[in-house]
N, C-alpha and C. Protein backbone atom coordinates (compact mmCIF):
# COMPACT_ATOMS: atom_id res chain seq x y z
N MET A 1 0.80 -1.19 0.04
CA MET A 1 -0.01 0.03 0.01
C MET A 1 0.87 1.25 0.02
N VAL A 2 1.90 1.23 0.77
CA VAL A 2 2.74 2.43 0.83
C VAL A 2 3.36 2.76 -0.55
N HIS A 3 3.57 1.85 -1.40
CA HIS A 3 4.25 2.10 -2.60
C HIS A 3 3.24 2.64 -3.71
N VAL A 4 1.89 2.50 -3.47
CA VAL A 4 1.04 2.94 -4.46
C VAL A 4 0.12 4.12 -3.93
N ASN A 5 0.06 4.34 -2.63
CA ASN A 5 -0.75 5.40 -2.09
C ASN A 5 0.26 6.43 -1.41
N PRO A 6 0.32 7.60 -1.96
CA PRO A 6 1.25 8.58 -1.32
C PRO A 6 0.78 9.02 -0.02
N LYS A 7 1.70 9.33 0.92
CA LYS A 7 1.42 9.77 2.27
C LYS A 7 0.92 11.15 2.23
N TYR A 8 1.46 11.93 1.28
CA TYR A 8 1.19 13.42 1.21
C TYR A 8 0.31 13.70 -0.06
N ILE A 9 -0.80 14.26 0.24
CA ILE A 9 -1.68 14.66 -0.92
C ILE A 9 -1.98 16.10 -0.77
N LEU A 10 -1.81 16.88 -1.82
CA LEU A 10 -2.04 18.28 -1.85
C LEU A 10 -3.52 18.65 -1.85
N LYS A 11 -4.04 18.95 -0.71
CA LYS A 11 -5.45 19.22 -0.51
C LYS A 11 -5.77 20.67 -0.69
N ASN A 12 -7.01 21.00 -1.06
CA ASN A 12 -7.38 22.38 -1.35
C ASN A 12 -7.09 23.42 -0.18
N HIS A 13 -7.39 22.94 1.04
CA HIS A 13 -7.24 23.82 2.18
C HIS A 13 -5.82 24.18 2.49
N ILE A 14 -4.91 23.12 2.20
CA ILE A 14 -3.49 23.26 2.38
C ILE A 14 -2.93 24.22 1.33
N LEU A 15 -3.42 23.98 0.10
CA LEU A 15 -2.94 24.81 -0.98
C LEU A 15 -3.40 26.26 -0.81
N GLN A 16 -4.60 26.50 -0.24
CA GLN A 16 -5.15 27.89 -0.11
C GLN A 16 -4.26 28.53 1.07
N GLU A 17 -3.89 27.82 2.10
CA GLU A 17 -3.00 28.37 3.07
C GLU A 17 -1.66 28.80 2.56
N ALA A 18 -1.15 27.93 1.66
CA ALA A 18 0.22 28.30 1.02
C ALA A 18 0.00 29.56 0.14
N ILE A 19 -1.11 29.69 -0.52
CA ILE A 19 -1.36 30.87 -1.38
C ILE A 19 -1.48 32.09 -0.58
N ASP A 20 -2.23 31.99 0.62
CA ASP A 20 -2.35 33.13 1.52
C ASP A 20 -1.07 33.62 2.03
N LYS A 21 -0.20 32.59 2.41
CA LYS A 21 1.08 32.98 2.95
C LYS A 21 1.97 33.62 1.84
N ALA A 22 1.93 33.06 0.65
CA ALA A 22 2.76 33.58 -0.38
C ALA A 22 2.36 35.11 -0.74
N ASN A 23 1.05 35.23 -0.64
CA ASN A 23 0.53 36.62 -0.99
C ASN A 23 1.10 37.62 0.09
N ARG A 24 1.55 37.17 1.24
CA ARG A 24 2.19 37.98 2.28
C ARG A 24 3.72 37.77 2.19
N HIS A 25 4.20 37.28 1.07
CA HIS A 25 5.66 37.19 0.82
C HIS A 25 6.33 36.17 1.76
N ASP A 26 5.51 35.15 2.24
CA ASP A 26 6.11 34.06 3.03
C ASP A 26 5.98 32.81 2.20
N PHE A 27 7.04 32.33 1.55
CA PHE A 27 7.05 31.19 0.68
C PHE A 27 7.46 29.93 1.29
N SER A 28 7.56 29.87 2.60
CA SER A 28 8.03 28.78 3.32
C SER A 28 7.14 27.53 3.03
N MET A 29 5.79 27.73 3.11
CA MET A 29 4.84 26.62 2.82
C MET A 29 4.91 26.20 1.44
N VAL A 30 5.10 27.07 0.48
CA VAL A 30 5.24 26.67 -0.92
C VAL A 30 6.48 25.80 -1.02
N LYS A 31 7.54 26.06 -0.38
CA LYS A 31 8.78 25.22 -0.45
C LYS A 31 8.46 23.82 0.15
N HIS A 32 7.69 23.82 1.29
CA HIS A 32 7.36 22.56 1.91
C HIS A 32 6.43 21.72 0.99
N LEU A 33 5.47 22.32 0.26
CA LEU A 33 4.61 21.65 -0.63
C LEU A 33 5.41 21.08 -1.82
N LEU A 34 6.32 21.84 -2.34
CA LEU A 34 7.13 21.43 -3.49
C LEU A 34 7.99 20.19 -3.01
N LYS A 35 8.47 20.20 -1.77
CA LYS A 35 9.25 19.05 -1.34
C LYS A 35 8.47 17.75 -1.32
N VAL A 36 7.22 17.86 -0.74
CA VAL A 36 6.45 16.61 -0.74
C VAL A 36 5.84 16.29 -2.10
N ALA A 37 5.58 17.28 -2.93
CA ALA A 37 5.07 16.94 -4.26
C ALA A 37 6.10 16.21 -5.10
N LEU A 38 7.34 16.48 -4.91
CA LEU A 38 8.45 15.88 -5.62
C LEU A 38 8.75 14.44 -5.09
N ALA A 39 8.37 14.23 -3.84
CA ALA A 39 8.61 12.93 -3.19
C ALA A 39 7.47 12.49 -2.29
N PRO A 40 6.23 12.32 -2.83
CA PRO A 40 5.06 12.13 -1.92
C PRO A 40 5.02 10.73 -1.20
N PHE A 41 5.89 9.85 -1.64
CA PHE A 41 5.94 8.53 -0.96
C PHE A 41 7.03 8.53 0.13
N ASP A 42 7.84 9.42 0.18
CA ASP A 42 8.95 9.46 1.09
C ASP A 42 8.44 10.08 2.51
N GLU A 43 9.15 9.75 3.48
CA GLU A 43 8.92 10.25 4.85
C GLU A 43 9.49 11.66 4.94
N HIS A 44 8.76 12.60 5.50
CA HIS A 44 9.26 13.93 5.78
C HIS A 44 8.80 14.30 7.15
N PRO A 45 9.54 13.82 8.16
CA PRO A 45 9.06 14.01 9.53
C PRO A 45 8.78 15.46 9.95
N GLU A 46 9.51 16.41 9.34
CA GLU A 46 9.28 17.83 9.65
C GLU A 46 8.04 18.37 9.17
N LEU A 47 7.44 17.57 8.12
CA LEU A 47 6.27 18.18 7.41
C LEU A 47 5.02 17.19 7.70
N GLU A 48 4.98 16.57 8.85
CA GLU A 48 3.93 15.65 9.24
C GLU A 48 2.60 16.36 9.24
N TYR A 49 2.52 17.63 9.51
CA TYR A 49 1.26 18.40 9.51
C TYR A 49 0.58 18.29 8.18
N LEU A 50 1.34 18.08 7.10
CA LEU A 50 0.70 18.04 5.77
C LEU A 50 0.05 16.63 5.47
N ALA A 51 0.28 15.66 6.27
CA ALA A 51 -0.26 14.36 6.14
C ALA A 51 -1.49 14.10 7.07
N LYS A 52 -1.80 15.10 7.89
CA LYS A 52 -3.00 14.94 8.80
C LYS A 52 -4.27 14.81 8.01
N PRO A 53 -5.27 14.20 8.59
CA PRO A 53 -6.56 14.14 7.94
C PRO A 53 -7.17 15.54 7.78
N THR A 54 -8.02 15.72 6.74
CA THR A 54 -8.69 16.97 6.56
C THR A 54 -9.54 17.38 7.74
N PRO A 55 -9.38 18.64 8.31
CA PRO A 55 -10.20 19.08 9.36
C PRO A 55 -11.68 19.13 8.94
N SER A 56 -12.59 18.90 9.93
CA SER A 56 -14.00 18.70 9.61
C SER A 56 -14.59 19.98 8.94
N GLU A 57 -14.09 21.16 9.22
CA GLU A 57 -14.61 22.38 8.60
C GLU A 57 -14.32 22.45 7.13
N TYR A 58 -13.39 21.64 6.65
CA TYR A 58 -13.06 21.69 5.21
C TYR A 58 -13.47 20.48 4.42
N LYS A 59 -14.18 19.54 5.16
CA LYS A 59 -14.80 18.36 4.44
C LYS A 59 -16.02 18.77 3.76
N ASN A 60 -16.25 18.07 2.67
CA ASN A 60 -17.49 18.14 1.89
C ASN A 60 -17.64 19.54 1.27
N ILE A 61 -16.61 20.22 0.97
CA ILE A 61 -16.62 21.55 0.29
C ILE A 61 -16.76 21.24 -1.26
N LYS A 62 -17.68 21.87 -1.85
CA LYS A 62 -17.85 21.65 -3.30
C LYS A 62 -17.15 22.76 -4.04
N LEU A 63 -16.35 22.39 -5.03
CA LEU A 63 -15.56 23.33 -5.82
C LEU A 63 -16.01 23.25 -7.27
N SER A 64 -15.96 24.37 -8.00
CA SER A 64 -16.20 24.33 -9.42
C SER A 64 -14.94 24.70 -10.13
N CYS A 65 -14.72 24.00 -11.25
CA CYS A 65 -13.53 24.25 -12.09
C CYS A 65 -13.88 25.17 -13.27
N SER A 66 -15.13 25.71 -13.25
CA SER A 66 -15.47 26.57 -14.45
C SER A 66 -14.85 27.96 -14.17
N SER A 67 -14.62 28.68 -15.33
CA SER A 67 -13.99 29.92 -15.21
C SER A 67 -14.91 31.01 -15.73
């Protein structure tokens, strides 16, 4: 299972947080996301917060891809 299911998945609420920080010129989270995106099956102990389950307030949010 570990070899076919990545531990780190870029979720909308995490991406939005990174965007918000980047808009304030803090690119630390963007760097963290790039690190796990390049190696999603590897262990990144310092970035465990990115592997946590989705908080309940962000579950079942419906998004549209239309522009």
